PDB file of N, CA and C in Angstrom:
ATOM      1  N   MET A   1       0.404  -1.035   0.031  1.00  0.00           N
ATOM      2  CA  MET A   1       0.006   0.192   0.054  1.00  0.00           C
ATOM      3  C   MET A   1       0.870   1.203   0.029  1.00  0.00           C
ATOM      4  N   HIS A   2       1.677   0.807   0.488  1.00  0.00           N
ATOM      5  CA  HIS A   2       2.916   2.127   0.742  1.00  0.00           C
ATOM      6  C   HIS A   2       3.363   3.046  -0.115  1.00  0.00           C
ATOM      7  N   ASN A   3       3.976   1.610  -0.809  1.00  0.00           N
ATOM      8  CA  ASN A   3       4.285   1.786  -3.124  1.00  0.00           C
ATOM      9  C   ASN A   3       3.198   2.729  -3.522  1.00  0.00           C
ATOM     10  N   TYR A   4       1.851   2.343  -3.434  1.00  0.00           N
ATOM     11  CA  TYR A   4       0.873   3.034  -4.160  1.00  0.00           C
ATOM     12  C   TYR A   4       0.795   4.155  -3.972  1.00  0.00           C
ATOM     13  N   PHE A   5       0.859   4.858  -2.516  1.00  0.00           N
ATOM     14  CA  PHE A   5       0.488   6.104  -2.043  1.00  0.00           C
ATOM     15  C   PHE A   5       1.704   6.983  -2.894  1.00  0.00           C
ATOM     16  N   LEU A   6       3.148   6.386  -2.535  1.00  0.00           N
ATOM     17  CA  LEU A   6       4.417   6.964  -3.164  1.00  0.00           C
ATOM     18  C   LEU A   6       3.882   7.366  -4.648  1.00  0.00           C
ATOM     19  N   GLY A   7       3.655   5.986  -4.867  1.00  0.00           N
ATOM     20  CA  GLY A   7       3.600   6.818  -6.781  1.00  0.00           C
ATOM     21  C   GLY A   7       2.509   7.862  -7.013  1.00  0.00           C
ATOM     22  N   GLN A   8       1.515   7.602  -6.080  1.00  0.00           N
ATOM     23  CA  GLN A   8      -0.042   8.460  -6.244  1.00  0.00           C
ATOM     24  C   GLN A   8       0.496  10.175  -5.841  1.00  0.00           C
ATOM     25  N   SER A   9       1.645  10.460  -5.003  1.00  0.00           N
ATOM     26  CA  SER A   9       2.478  11.416  -4.681  1.00  0.00           C
ATOM     27  C   SER A   9       3.240  11.807  -6.077  1.00  0.00           C
ATOM     28  N   CYS A  10       4.024  11.437  -6.241  1.00  0.00           N
ATOM     29  CA  CYS A  10       4.625  11.120  -7.485  1.00  0.00           C
ATOM     30  C   CYS A  10       3.957  12.325  -8.954  1.00  0.00           C
ATOM     31  N   TYR A  11       2.802  11.001  -8.778  1.00  0.00           N
ATOM     32  CA  TYR A  11       1.953  11.563 -10.105  1.00  0.00           C
ATOM     33  C   TYR A  11       1.227  12.805  -9.755  1.00  0.00           C
ATOM     34  N   GLU A  12       0.739  13.225  -8.899  1.00  0.00           N
ATOM     35  CA  GLU A  12       0.404  14.300  -8.194  1.00  0.00           C
ATOM     36  C   GLU A  12       1.020  15.504  -8.175  1.00  0.00           C
ATOM     37  N   GLU A  13       2.729  15.212  -7.844  1.00  0.00           N
ATOM     38  CA  GLU A  13       3.561  16.492  -8.142  1.00  0.00           C
ATOM     39  C   GLU A  13       4.165  16.766  -9.270  1.00  0.00           C
ATOM     40  N   LEU A  14       4.490  15.527 -10.174  1.00  0.00           N
ATOM     41  CA  LEU A  14       5.043  15.510 -11.743  1.00  0.00           C
ATOM     42  C   LEU A  14       4.052  15.485 -12.919  1.00  0.00           C
ATOM     43  N   GLY A  15       2.739  14.756 -12.908  1.00  0.00           N
ATOM     44  CA  GLY A  15       2.002  14.973 -13.943  1.00  0.00           C
ATOM     45  C   GLY A  15       2.470  13.930 -14.276  1.00  0.00           C
ATOM     46  N   LYS A  16       3.595  12.458 -13.969  1.00  0.00           N
ATOM     47  CA  LYS A  16       3.505  11.275 -14.406  1.00  0.00           C
ATOM     48  C   LYS A  16       3.773  10.355 -13.431  1.00  0.00           C
ATOM     49  N   TRP A  17       3.616   9.020 -13.810  1.00  0.00           N
ATOM     50  CA  TRP A  17       4.027   7.551 -12.852  1.00  0.00           C
ATOM     51  C   TRP A  17       5.436   7.262 -12.648  1.00  0.00           C
ATOM     52  N   PRO A  18       6.258   7.336 -11.329  1.00  0.00           N
ATOM     53  CA  PRO A  18       7.531   7.192 -11.850  1.00  0.00           C
ATOM     54  C   PRO A  18       7.965   6.066 -11.986  1.00  0.00           C
ATOM     55  N   MET A  19       7.316   4.979 -12.285  1.00  0.00           N
ATOM     56  CA  MET A  19       7.529   3.511 -13.280  1.00  0.00           C
ATOM     57  C   MET A  19       6.707   3.636 -14.516  1.00  0.00           C
ATOM     58  N   GLY A  20       6.016   4.299 -15.054  1.00  0.00           N
ATOM     59  CA  GLY A  20       5.254   4.230 -15.884  1.00  0.00           C
ATOM     60  C   GLY A  20       3.878   3.183 -15.761  1.00  0.00           C
ATOM     61  N   GLU A  21       3.542   3.368 -16.443  1.00  0.00           N
ATOM     62  CA  GLU A  21       1.966   3.000 -17.205  1.00  0.00           C
ATOM     63  C   GLU A  21       1.597   2.156 -18.438  1.00  0.00           C
ATOM     64  N   TRP A  22       1.477   0.483 -17.609  1.00  0.00           N
ATOM     65  CA  TRP A  22       0.749   0.167 -19.035  1.00  0.00           C
ATOM     66  C   TRP A  22      -0.670   0.272 -19.108  1.00  0.00           C
ATOM     67  N   GLY A  23      -1.125  -0.245 -20.308  1.00  0.00           N
ATOM     68  CA  GLY A  23      -2.567   0.106 -20.315  1.00  0.00           C
ATOM     69  C   GLY A  23      -3.412  -1.272 -19.477  1.00  0.00           C
ATOM     70  N   HIS A  24      -4.423  -1.034 -19.802  1.00  0.00           N
ATOM     71  CA  HIS A  24      -4.956  -2.543 -18.750  1.00  0.00           C
ATOM     72  C   HIS A  24      -5.656  -3.801 -19.720  1.00  0.00           C
ATOM     73  N   GLY A  25      -5.588  -4.974 -19.385  1.00  0.00           N
ATOM     74  CA  GLY A  25      -6.053  -6.573 -20.140  1.00  0.00           C
ATOM     75  C   GLY A  25      -4.721  -5.922 -21.737  1.00  0.00           C
ATOM     76  N   PHE A  26      -5.364  -6.429 -22.549  1.00  0.00           N
ATOM     77  CA  PHE A  26      -5.239  -6.398 -24.178  1.00  0.00           C
ATOM     78  C   PHE A  26      -3.654  -5.389 -24.579  1.00  0.00           C
ATOM     79  N   LEU A  27      -4.367  -4.099 -24.225  1.00  0.00           N
ATOM     80  CA  LEU A  27      -3.019  -2.955 -24.470  1.00  0.00           C
ATOM     81  C   LEU A  27      -1.916  -3.075 -23.722  1.00  0.00           C
ATOM     82  N   GLY A  28      -2.479  -3.510 -22.565  1.00  0.00           N
ATOM     83  CA  GLY A  28      -1.082  -3.523 -21.599  1.00  0.00           C
ATOM     84  C   GLY A  28      -0.384  -4.769 -22.195  1.00  0.00           C
ATOM     85  N   VAL A  29      -0.737  -5.757 -22.504  1.00  0.00           N
ATOM     86  CA  VAL A  29       0.102  -6.811 -22.750  1.00  0.00           C
ATOM     87  C   VAL A  29       0.966  -6.691 -24.056  1.00  0.00           C
ATOM     88  N   LEU A  30      -0.057  -5.645 -24.987  1.00  0.00           N
ATOM     89  CA  LEU A  30       0.562  -5.272 -26.457  1.00  0.00           C
ATOM     90  C   LEU A  30       1.787  -4.384 -25.847  1.00  0.00           C
ATOM     91  N   GLU A  31       1.414  -3.136 -25.411  1.00  0.00           N
ATOM     92  CA  GLU A  31       2.220  -2.152 -24.850  1.00  0.00           C
ATOM     93  C   GLU A  31       3.939  -2.802 -24.009  1.00  0.00           C
ATOM     94  N   TYR A  32       3.440  -3.832 -23.157  1.00  0.00           N
ATOM     95  CA  TYR A  32       4.509  -4.400 -22.451  1.00  0.00           C
ATOM     96  C   TYR A  32       5.699  -5.288 -23.557  1.00  0.00           C
ATOM     97  N   TYR A  33       5.189  -6.074 -24.670  1.00  0.00           N
ATOM     98  CA  TYR A  33       5.676  -6.695 -25.161  1.00  0.00           C
ATOM     99  C   TYR A  33       6.356  -5.650 -26.319  1.00  0.00           C
ATOM    100  N   GLN A  34       5.829  -4.628 -26.634  1.00  0.00           N
ATOM    101  CA  GLN A  34       6.224  -3.119 -28.028  1.00  0.00           C
ATOM    102  C   GLN A  34       7.871  -2.838 -27.186  1.00  0.00           C
ATOM    103  N   TRP A  35       7.481  -2.610 -25.582  1.00  0.00           N
ATOM    104  CA  TRP A  35       8.601  -2.339 -25.222  1.00  0.00           C
ATOM    105  C   TRP A  35       9.936  -2.974 -24.805  1.00  0.00           C
ATOM    106  N   LEU A  36       9.439  -4.625 -24.718  1.00  0.00           N
ATOM    107  CA  LEU A  36      10.489  -5.583 -24.788  1.00  0.00           C
ATOM    108  C   LEU A  36      11.316  -5.365 -26.171  1.00  0.00           C
ATOM    109  N   VAL A  37      10.246  -5.433 -27.009  1.00  0.00           N
ATOM    110  CA  VAL A  37      11.335  -5.605 -27.900  1.00  0.00           C
ATOM    111  C   VAL A  37      11.896  -4.547 -28.506  1.00  0.00           C
ATOM    112  N   GLY A  38      11.236  -3.320 -28.210  1.00  0.00           N
ATOM    113  CA  GLY A  38      11.907  -2.039 -28.565  1.00  0.00           C
ATOM    114  C   GLY A  38      11.267  -1.737 -30.035  1.00  0.00           C
ATOM    115  N   THR A  39       9.936  -1.393 -29.754  1.00  0.00           N
ATOM    116  CA  THR A  39       8.766  -1.075 -31.206  1.00  0.00           C
ATOM    117  C   THR A  39       7.745  -0.260 -30.567  1.00  0.00           C
ATOM    118  N   ASP A  40       7.791   0.108 -32.005  1.00  0.00           N
ATOM    119  CA  ASP A  40       6.219   1.065 -31.862  1.00  0.00           C
ATOM    120  C   ASP A  40       5.194   0.212 -32.291  1.00  0.00           C
ATOM    121  N   ASP A  41       5.505  -0.442 -33.522  1.00  0.00           N
ATOM    122  CA  ASP A  41       4.871  -1.714 -34.287  1.00  0.00           C
ATOM    123  C   ASP A  41       4.366  -2.811 -33.658  1.00  0.00           C
ATOM    124  N   ALA A  42       2.756  -2.651 -33.973  1.00  0.00           N
ATOM    125  CA  ALA A  42       1.936  -3.917 -32.650  1.00  0.00           C
ATOM    126  C   ALA A  42       2.362  -5.138 -33.420  1.00  0.00           C
ATOM    127  N   LEU A  43       2.342  -4.932 -34.583  1.00  0.00           N
ATOM    128  CA  LEU A  43       2.821  -6.428 -35.392  1.00  0.00           C
ATOM    129  C   LEU A  43       3.675  -7.020 -35.080  1.00  0.00           C
ATOM    130  N   THR A  44       4.741  -5.807 -35.225  1.00  0.00           N
ATOM    131  CA  THR A  44       6.244  -6.987 -34.872  1.00  0.00           C
ATOM    132  C   THR A  44       6.225  -7.049 -33.628  1.00  0.00           C
ATOM    133  N   ALA A  45       5.908  -6.415 -32.736  1.00  0.00           N
ATOM    134  CA  ALA A  45       5.640  -7.463 -31.307  1.00  0.00           C
ATOM    135  C   ALA A  45       4.646  -8.495 -30.972  1.00  0.00           C
ATOM    136  N   TRP A  46       3.973  -8.421 -32.007  1.00  0.00           N
ATOM    137  CA  TRP A  46       2.879 -10.275 -31.919  1.00  0.00           C
ATOM    138  C   TRP A  46       3.944 -10.576 -32.647  1.00  0.00           C
ATOM    139  N   ARG A  47       4.367 -10.672 -33.594  1.00  0.00           N
ATOM    140  CA  ARG A  47       5.452 -11.730 -34.282  1.00  0.00           C
ATOM    141  C   ARG A  47       6.414 -12.110 -32.930  1.00  0.00           C
ATOM    142  N   PHE A  48       7.380 -11.215 -32.272  1.00  0.00           N
ATOM    143  CA  PHE A  48       7.938 -11.787 -31.605  1.00  0.00           C
ATOM    144  C   PHE A  48       7.210 -12.485 -30.382  1.00  0.00           C
ATOM    145  N   LEU A  49       6.096 -12.064 -30.127  1.00  0.00           N
ATOM    146  CA  LEU A  49       5.469 -12.856 -29.141  1.00  0.00           C
ATOM    147  C   LEU A  49       5.023 -14.237 -29.456  1.00  0.00           C
ATOM    148  N   TYR A  50       4.890 -14.595 -30.948  1.00  0.00           N
ATOM    149  CA  TYR A  50       4.641 -15.696 -31.746  1.00  0.00           C
ATOM    150  C   TYR A  50       5.522 -16.519 -31.284  1.00  0.00           C
ATOM    151  N   ILE A  51       6.798 -15.844 -31.529  1.00  0.00           N
ATOM    152  CA  ILE A  51       8.307 -16.546 -31.929  1.00  0.00           C
ATOM    153  C   ILE A  51       8.321 -17.307 -30.249  1.00  0.00           C
ATOM    154  N   MET A  52       7.981 -16.123 -28.937  1.00  0.00           N
ATOM    155  CA  MET A  52       8.424 -16.618 -28.058  1.00  0.00           C
ATOM    156  C   MET A  52       7.471 -17.891 -27.281  1.00  0.00           C
ATOM    157  N   THR A  53       6.145 -18.429 -28.049  1.00  0.00           N
ATOM    158  CA  THR A  53       5.567 -19.398 -27.762  1.00  0.00           C
ATOM    159  C   THR A  53       5.415 -20.650 -28.026  1.00  0.00           C
ATOM    160  N   ARG A  54       6.608 -20.251 -29.358  1.00  0.00           N
ATOM    161  CA  ARG A  54       7.408 -21.726 -29.496  1.00  0.00           C
ATOM    162  C   ARG A  54       8.575 -22.812 -29.193  1.00  0.00           C
ATOM    163  N   ARG A  55       7.816 -23.791 -28.249  1.00  0.00           N
ATOM    164  CA  ARG A  55       8.555 -24.485 -27.528  1.00  0.00           C
ATOM    165  C   ARG A  55      10.028 -24.724 -28.523  1.00  0.00           C
ATOM    166  N   ASN A  56      10.271 -25.267 -30.055  1.00  0.00           N
ATOM    167  CA  ASN A  56      10.948 -25.240 -30.289  1.00  0.00           C
ATOM    168  C   ASN A  56      11.399 -24.362 -31.335  1.00  0.00           C
ATOM    169  N   LEU A  57      12.551 -23.384 -31.322  1.00  0.00           N
ATOM    170  CA  LEU A  57      12.773 -22.821 -32.596  1.00  0.00           C
ATOM    171  C   LEU A  57      13.868 -23.079 -33.585  1.00  0.00           C
ATOM    172  N   LYS A  58      12.958 -22.538 -34.529  1.00  0.00           N
ATOM    173  CA  LYS A  58      14.045 -23.143 -35.880  1.00  0.00           C
ATOM    174  C   LYS A  58      14.486 -21.757 -36.143  1.00  0.00           C
ATOM    175  N   LEU A  59      15.703 -21.601 -35.910  1.00  0.00           N
ATOM    176  CA  LEU A  59      16.879 -20.148 -36.902  1.00  0.00           C
ATOM    177  C   LEU A  59      16.298 -20.105 -38.540  1.00  0.00           C
ATOM    178  N   HIS A  60      15.863 -20.863 -39.009  1.00  0.00           N
ATOM    179  CA  HIS A  60      16.100 -20.650 -40.879  1.00  0.00           C
ATOM    180  C   HIS A  60      14.745 -20.028 -40.571  1.00  0.00           C
ATOM    181  N   TRP A  61      13.682 -19.723 -39.504  1.00  0.00           N
ATOM    182  CA  TRP A  61      12.176 -19.256 -39.543  1.00  0.00           C
ATOM    183  C   TRP A  61      12.735 -17.435 -39.981  1.00  0.00           C
ATOM    184  N   GLU A  62      11.583 -16.988 -40.686  1.00  0.00           N
ATOM    185  CA  GLU A  62      11.798 -15.468 -40.797  1.00  0.00           C
ATOM    186  C   GLU A  62      12.037 -14.561 -39.880  1.00  0.00           C
ATOM    187  N   CYS A  63      12.576 -13.676 -39.571  1.00  0.00           N
ATOM    188  CA  CYS A  63      12.988 -12.923 -38.315  1.00  0.00           C
ATOM    189  C   CYS A  63      11.771 -12.103 -38.167  1.00  0.00           C
ATOM    190  N   PRO A  64      10.972 -12.380 -36.567  1.00  0.00           N
ATOM    191  CA  PRO A  64       9.825 -11.504 -36.521  1.00  0.00           C
ATOM    192  C   PRO A  64       9.986  -9.866 -37.067  1.00  0.00           C
ATOM    193  N   CYS A  65      11.209  -9.354 -36.809  1.00  0.00           N
ATOM    194  CA  CYS A  65      11.408  -7.795 -36.727  1.00  0.00           C
ATOM    195  C   CYS A  65      11.224  -7.461 -38.262  1.00  0.00           C
ATOM    196  N   GLY A  66      10.526  -8.038 -39.399  1.00  0.00           N
ATOM    197  CA  GLY A  66      10.297  -7.833 -40.631  1.00  0.00           C
ATOM    198  C   GLY A  66      11.205  -7.629 -41.481  1.00  0.00           C
ATOM    199  N   SER A  67      12.548  -7.956 -41.427  1.00  0.00           N
ATOM    200  CA  SER A  67      13.429  -7.735 -42.040  1.00  0.00           C
ATOM    201  C   SER A  67      13.637  -8.505 -43.779  1.00  0.00           C
ATOM    202  N   SER A  68      12.917 -10.135 -43.181  1.00  0.00           N
ATOM    203  CA  SER A  68      12.786 -10.224 -44.445  1.00  0.00           C
ATOM    204  C   SER A  68      14.109 -11.600 -43.841  1.00  0.00           C
ATOM    205  N   LYS A  69      14.857 -11.358 -43.319  1.00  0.00           N
ATOM    206  CA  LYS A  69      15.827 -12.163 -42.809  1.00  0.00           C
ATOM    207  C   LYS A  69      15.627 -13.638 -42.288  1.00  0.00           C
ATOM    208  N   LYS A  70      16.790 -14.508 -42.528  1.00  0.00           N
ATOM    209  CA  LYS A  70      16.457 -15.593 -41.134  1.00  0.00           C
ATOM    210  C   LYS A  70      16.864 -15.281 -40.054  1.00  0.00           C
ATOM    211  N   MET A  71      16.148 -15.353 -38.899  1.00  0.00           N
ATOM    212  CA  MET A  71      16.503 -15.185 -37.127  1.00  0.00           C
ATOM    213  C   MET A  71      17.960 -15.431 -37.332  1.00  0.00           C
ATOM    214  N   LYS A  72      18.675 -16.456 -37.271  1.00  0.00           N
ATOM    215  CA  LYS A  72      19.889 -16.466 -37.305  1.00  0.00           C
ATOM    216  C   LYS A  72      20.784 -15.558 -37.689  1.00  0.00           C
ATOM    217  N   GLN A  73      20.580 -14.828 -38.827  1.00  0.00           N
ATOM    218  CA  GLN A  73      21.118 -13.616 -39.614  1.00  0.00           C
ATOM    219  C   GLN A  73      20.977 -12.145 -39.405  1.00  0.00           C
ATOM    220  N   CYS A  74      19.606 -12.298 -38.096  1.00  0.00           N
ATOM    221  CA  CYS A  74      19.288 -11.091 -37.654  1.00  0.00           C
ATOM    222  C   CYS A  74      19.290 -10.923 -36.330  1.00  0.00           C
ATOM    223  N   CYS A  75      17.570 -11.048 -35.665  1.00  0.00           N
ATOM    224  CA  CYS A  75      17.555 -10.891 -33.926  1.00  0.00           C
ATOM    225  C   CYS A  75      17.936 -12.198 -33.019  1.00  0.00           C
ATOM    226  N   ARG A  76      18.056 -12.798 -33.652  1.00  0.00           N
ATOM    227  CA  ARG A  76      18.786 -14.334 -32.652  1.00  0.00           C
ATOM    228  C   ARG A  76      19.257 -13.915 -31.958  1.00  0.00           C
ATOM    229  N   ARG A  77      19.947 -13.117 -30.983  1.00  0.00           N
ATOM    230  CA  ARG A  77      20.695 -12.647 -29.862  1.00  0.00           C
ATOM    231  C   ARG A  77      19.306 -12.226 -28.787  1.00  0.00           C
ATOM    232  N   LYS A  78      18.741 -11.035 -29.694  1.00  0.00           N
ATOM    233  CA  LYS A  78      17.646 -10.320 -28.695  1.00  0.00           C
ATOM    234  C   LYS A  78      16.237 -11.685 -28.725  1.00  0.00           C
ATOM    235  N   ILE A  79      16.236 -12.693 -29.221  1.00  0.00           N
ATOM    236  CA  ILE A  79      15.510 -13.701 -29.045  1.00  0.00           C
ATOM    237  C   ILE A  79      15.697 -14.443 -28.420  1.00  0.00           C
ATOM    238  N   ASN A  80      16.756 -14.995 -27.754  1.00  0.00           N
ATOM    239  CA  ASN A  80      17.241 -16.120 -27.249  1.00  0.00           C
ATOM    240  C   ASN A  80      17.339 -15.488 -25.747  1.00  0.00           C
ATOM    241  N   ASP A  81      17.796 -13.947 -25.489  1.00  0.00           N
ATOM    242  CA  ASP A  81      17.976 -13.020 -24.440  1.00  0.00           C
ATOM    243  C   ASP A  81      16.251 -12.979 -23.827  1.00  0.00           C
ATOM    244  N   MET A  82      15.400 -13.281 -24.834  1.00  0.00           N
ATOM    245  CA  MET A  82      13.971 -12.739 -24.329  1.00  0.00           C
ATOM    246  C   MET A  82      13.411 -14.394 -23.452  1.00  0.00           C
ATOM    247  N   ARG A  83      13.618 -15.140 -24.679  1.00  0.00           N
ATOM    248  CA  ARG A  83      13.645 -16.464 -24.249  1.00  0.00           C
ATOM    249  C   ARG A  83      14.388 -17.267 -22.870  1.00  0.00           C
ATOM    250  N   SER A  84      15.325 -16.343 -22.487  1.00  0.00           N
ATOM    251  CA  SER A  84      15.834 -16.813 -20.965  1.00  0.00           C
ATOM    252  C   SER A  84      15.411 -16.005 -20.035  1.00  0.00           C
ATOM    253  N   LYS A  85      14.505 -14.769 -20.614  1.00  0.00           N
ATOM    254  CA  LYS A  85      13.551 -13.948 -19.468  1.00  0.00           C
ATOM    255  C   LYS A  85      12.260 -14.763 -19.232  1.00  0.00           C
ATOM    256  N   ILE A  86      11.763 -15.128 -20.377  1.00  0.00           N
ATOM    257  CA  ILE A  86      10.037 -15.309 -20.199  1.00  0.00           C
ATOM    258  C   ILE A  86      10.020 -16.523 -20.542  1.00  0.00           C
ATOM    259  N   PRO A  87       9.628 -17.522 -19.668  1.00  0.00           N
ATOM    260  CA  PRO A  87       8.795 -19.087 -20.073  1.00  0.00           C
ATOM    261  C   PRO A  87       8.055 -19.453 -20.973  1.00  0.00           C
ATOM    262  N   VAL A  88       8.123 -20.416 -21.961  1.00  0.00           N
ATOM    263  CA  VAL A  88       7.258 -20.600 -23.107  1.00  0.00           C
ATOM    264  C   VAL A  88       6.026 -20.453 -22.677  1.00  0.00           C
ATOM    265  N   ALA A  89       5.722 -20.658 -21.395  1.00  0.00           N
ATOM    266  CA  ALA A  89       4.462 -20.879 -20.591  1.00  0.00           C
ATOM    267  C   ALA A  89       3.697 -19.803 -20.904  1.00  0.00           C
ATOM    268  N   MET A  90       5.096 -18.814 -19.770  1.00  0.00           N
ATOM    269  CA  MET A  90       4.169 -17.272 -20.131  1.00  0.00           C
ATOM    270  C   MET A  90       3.819 -16.537 -21.148  1.00  0.00           C
ATOM    271  N   ALA A  91       4.543 -16.852 -21.798  1.00  0.00           N
ATOM    272  CA  ALA A  91       4.103 -16.497 -23.338  1.00  0.00           C
ATOM    273  C   ALA A  91       3.258 -16.679 -24.113  1.00  0.00           C
ATOM    274  N   ARG A  92       2.667 -18.098 -23.961  1.00  0.00           N
ATOM    275  CA  ARG A  92       1.589 -18.468 -24.638  1.00  0.00           C
ATOM    276  C   ARG A  92       0.505 -18.170 -23.597  1.00  0.00           C
ATOM    277  N   VAL A  93       0.367 -17.558 -22.298  1.00  0.00           N
ATOM    278  CA  VAL A  93      -0.501 -16.868 -21.646  1.00  0.00           C
ATOM    279  C   VAL A  93      -0.875 -15.367 -22.211  1.00  0.00           C
ATOM    280  N   SER A  94       0.429 -14.611 -22.341  1.00  0.00           N
ATOM    281  CA  SER A  94       0.324 -13.439 -22.811  1.00  0.00           C
ATOM    282  C   SER A  94      -0.412 -13.346 -24.667  1.00  0.00           C
ATOM    283  N   PHE A  95       0.098 -14.359 -25.247  1.00  0.00           N
ATOM    284  CA  PHE A  95      -0.746 -14.654 -26.263  1.00  0.00           C
ATOM    285  C   PHE A  95      -1.731 -14.994 -26.521  1.00  0.00           C
ATOM    286  N   ALA A  96      -2.446 -16.081 -25.809  1.00  0.00           N
ATOM    287  CA  ALA A  96      -3.506 -16.054 -25.506  1.00  0.00           C
ATOM    288  C   ALA A  96      -4.629 -14.511 -25.055  1.00  0.00           C
ATOM    289  N   ARG A  97      -4.001 -13.991 -24.637  1.00  0.00           N
ATOM    290  CA  ARG A  97      -4.564 -12.794 -23.764  1.00  0.00           C
ATOM    291  C   ARG A  97      -4.832 -11.925 -24.913  1.00  0.00           C
ATOM    292  N   LEU A  98      -3.996 -11.782 -25.533  1.00  0.00           N
ATOM    293  CA  LEU A  98      -4.082 -10.747 -27.207  1.00  0.00           C
ATOM    294  C   LEU A  98      -5.615 -11.032 -27.664  1.00  0.00           C
ATOM    295  N   GLU A  99      -5.610 -12.634 -27.658  1.00  0.00           N
ATOM    296  CA  GLU A  99      -6.955 -12.961 -28.186  1.00  0.00           C
ATOM    297  C   GLU A  99      -6.838 -12.758 -29.705  1.00  0.00           C
ATOM    298  N   ILE A 100      -6.178 -13.442 -30.521  1.00  0.00           N
ATOM    299  CA  ILE A 100      -5.477 -13.306 -31.543  1.00  0.00           C
ATOM    300  C   ILE A 100      -5.940 -14.674 -32.176  1.00  0.00           C
ATOM    301  N   ASP A 101      -6.612 -14.942 -33.144  1.00  0.00           N
ATOM    302  CA  ASP A 101      -6.827 -16.396 -33.796  1.00  0.00           C
ATOM    303  C   ASP A 101      -5.814 -16.629 -34.680  1.00  0.00           C
ATOM    304  N   ALA A 102      -4.972 -16.117 -35.183  1.00  0.00           N
ATOM    305  CA  ALA A 102      -4.354 -16.531 -36.507  1.00  0.00           C
ATOM    306  C   ALA A 102      -2.765 -16.361 -36.214  1.00  0.00           C
ATOM    307  N   VAL A 103      -1.773 -17.199 -37.462  1.00  0.00           N
ATOM    308  CA  VAL A 103      -0.814 -16.727 -37.018  1.00  0.00           C
ATOM    309  C   VAL A 103      -0.055 -15.448 -37.882  1.00  0.00           C
ATOM    310  N   PRO A 104       0.911 -14.497 -36.620  1.00  0.00           N
ATOM    311  CA  PRO A 104       1.475 -13.550 -37.163  1.00  0.00           C
ATOM    312  C   PRO A 104       1.671 -13.302 -38.841  1.00  0.00           C
ATOM    313  N   TYR A 105       2.289 -14.418 -39.420  1.00  0.00           N
ATOM    314  CA  TYR A 105       3.125 -14.547 -40.592  1.00  0.00           C
ATOM    315  C   TYR A 105       2.079 -14.846 -41.605  1.00  0.00           C
ATOM    316  N   ALA A 106       1.097 -15.452 -41.584  1.00  0.00           N
ATOM    317  CA  ALA A 106       0.138 -15.386 -42.433  1.00  0.00           C
ATOM    318  C   ALA A 106      -0.643 -14.448 -43.062  1.00  0.00           C
ATOM    319  N   HIS A 107      -0.727 -14.177 -44.127  1.00  0.00           N
ATOM    320  CA  HIS A 107      -1.787 -13.215 -44.793  1.00  0.00           C
ATOM    321  C   HIS A 107      -3.057 -13.125 -43.979  1.00  0.00           C
ATOM    322  N   GLY A 108      -3.453 -11.881 -43.900  1.00  0.00           N
ATOM    323  CA  GLY A 108      -4.864 -11.951 -43.418  1.00  0.00           C
ATOM    324  C   GLY A 108      -4.732 -11.991 -42.078  1.00  0.00           C
ATOM    325  N   GLY A 109      -3.457 -12.087 -41.120  1.00  0.00           N
ATOM    326  CA  GLY A 109      -3.180 -11.890 -39.676  1.00  0.00           C
ATOM    327  C   GLY A 109      -3.587 -10.316 -39.675  1.00  0.00           C
ATOM    328  N   ARG A 110      -4.443 -10.235 -38.590  1.00  0.00           N
ATOM    329  CA  ARG A 110      -4.761  -8.714 -38.261  1.00  0.00           C
ATOM    330  C   ARG A 110      -4.479  -8.540 -36.494  1.00  0.00           C
ATOM    331  N   LEU A 111      -4.331  -7.505 -36.148  1.00  0.00           N
ATOM    332  CA  LEU A 111      -4.568  -7.103 -34.509  1.00  0.00           C
ATOM    333  C   LEU A 111      -5.919  -6.522 -34.171  1.00  0.00           C
ATOM    334  N   ARG A 112      -6.447  -7.059 -33.187  1.00  0.00           N
ATOM    335  CA  ARG A 112      -7.229  -5.844 -32.734  1.00  0.00           C
ATOM    336  C   ARG A 112      -7.032  -4.659 -32.576  1.00  0.00           C
ATOM    337  N   THR A 113      -7.712  -3.619 -32.632  1.00  0.00           N
ATOM    338  CA  THR A 113      -7.253  -2.275 -31.982  1.00  0.00           C
ATOM    339  C   THR A 113      -7.828  -2.009 -30.790  1.00  0.00           C
ATOM    340  N   GLU A 114      -9.453  -2.485 -30.381  1.00  0.00           N
ATOM    341  CA  GLU A 114     -10.343  -1.900 -29.768  1.00  0.00           C
ATOM    342  C   GLU A 114      -9.806  -2.546 -28.093  1.00  0.00           C
TER     343      GLU A 114
END
């Protein structure tokens, strides 16, 4: 409770939350993965999260950053770092939270925006 009131005091004084703030529900999950990946693009974050849900990573797959390169030639280190911090099971929960019923690389896959 103390931390909440400390944060609230900072917000009232400075006009922003001291540790930032994520949205709630769908938006918060998406914002977190956008921050983690380092992008403002929702589709890129979605692709990285999809890769995180895969138990076996194939380095010949297309890189989720959208560069059209293979993962082994592009964002391999970033993906390995993310996988060392976020278990596959947690990534799957996050992916399910986005309520997307499509594969990010398939044509026609879209993110909901509300």
